Amino acid sequence: MTGKRMQKVRSGFITKQEGEAAVAVSIYEVEKGLYVKETTQILNWQMSG
């Protein structure tokens, strides 16, 4: 971590209530360690056997 604040922008919610619910879910995921940052990095691994 660089100590910089992380921001994620999402839009397209029909109502304010819908948007606020999505924010609550995002905060929960970050706090519980469930959030996985989207990336274009390719994971290359092979199963042995």
Protein backbone atom coordinates (compact mmCIF):
# COMPACT_ATOMS: atom_id res chain seq x y z
CA MET A 1 0.00 0.00 0.00
CA THR A 2 1.18 3.47 -0.78
CA GLY A 3 -0.97 5.14 1.86
CA LYS A 4 -3.04 6.83 -0.84
CA ARG A 5 -6.80 6.81 -0.59
CA MET A 6 -8.50 4.24 -2.80
CA GLN A 7 -11.49 5.39 -4.84
CA LYS A 8 -13.89 3.38 -6.93
CA VAL A 9 -16.44 5.05 -9.18
CA ARG A 10 -19.71 3.33 -10.00
CA SER A 11 -22.78 4.80 -11.64
CA GLY A 12 -26.02 3.85 -13.32
CA PHE A 13 -28.22 3.36 -10.30
CA ILE A 14 -31.89 4.13 -10.77
CA THR A 15 -32.45 5.55 -7.30
CA LYS A 16 -30.34 7.13 -4.59
CA GLN A 17 -31.35 4.28 -2.28
CA GLU A 18 -30.01 1.73 -4.78
CA GLY A 19 -26.68 3.57 -4.99
CA GLU A 20 -26.38 3.83 -1.22
CA ALA A 21 -27.04 0.10 -0.87
CA ALA A 22 -24.23 -0.62 -3.34
CA VAL A 23 -21.88 1.59 -1.31
CA ALA A 24 -22.79 -0.30 1.86
CA VAL A 25 -21.98 -3.62 0.17
CA SER A 26 -18.65 -2.27 -1.09
CA ILE A 27 -17.67 -1.01 2.37
CA TYR A 28 -18.61 -4.38 3.90
CA GLU A 29 -16.47 -6.23 1.34
CA VAL A 30 -13.43 -4.03 2.05
CA GLU A 31 -13.81 -4.35 5.82
CA LYS A 32 -14.13 -8.15 5.67
CA GLY A 33 -11.28 -8.56 3.16
CA LEU A 34 -13.58 -9.83 0.41
CA TYR A 35 -12.87 -7.02 -2.05
CA VAL A 36 -10.69 -7.98 -5.01
CA LYS A 37 -9.43 -5.14 -7.17
CA GLU A 38 -10.17 -5.58 -10.87
CA THR A 39 -7.05 -5.99 -12.99
CA THR A 40 -6.02 -6.83 -16.51
CA GLN A 41 -3.05 -8.85 -15.25
CA ILE A 42 -3.03 -12.44 -16.51
CA LEU A 43 -2.45 -15.24 -14.07
CA ASN A 44 -0.35 -17.97 -15.62
CA TRP A 45 -0.14 -21.24 -13.70
CA GLN A 46 -0.25 -24.91 -14.44
CA MET A 47 -1.56 -27.80 -12.41
CA SER A 48 0.92 -30.61 -11.93
CA GLY A 49 -0.18 -34.19 -12.15
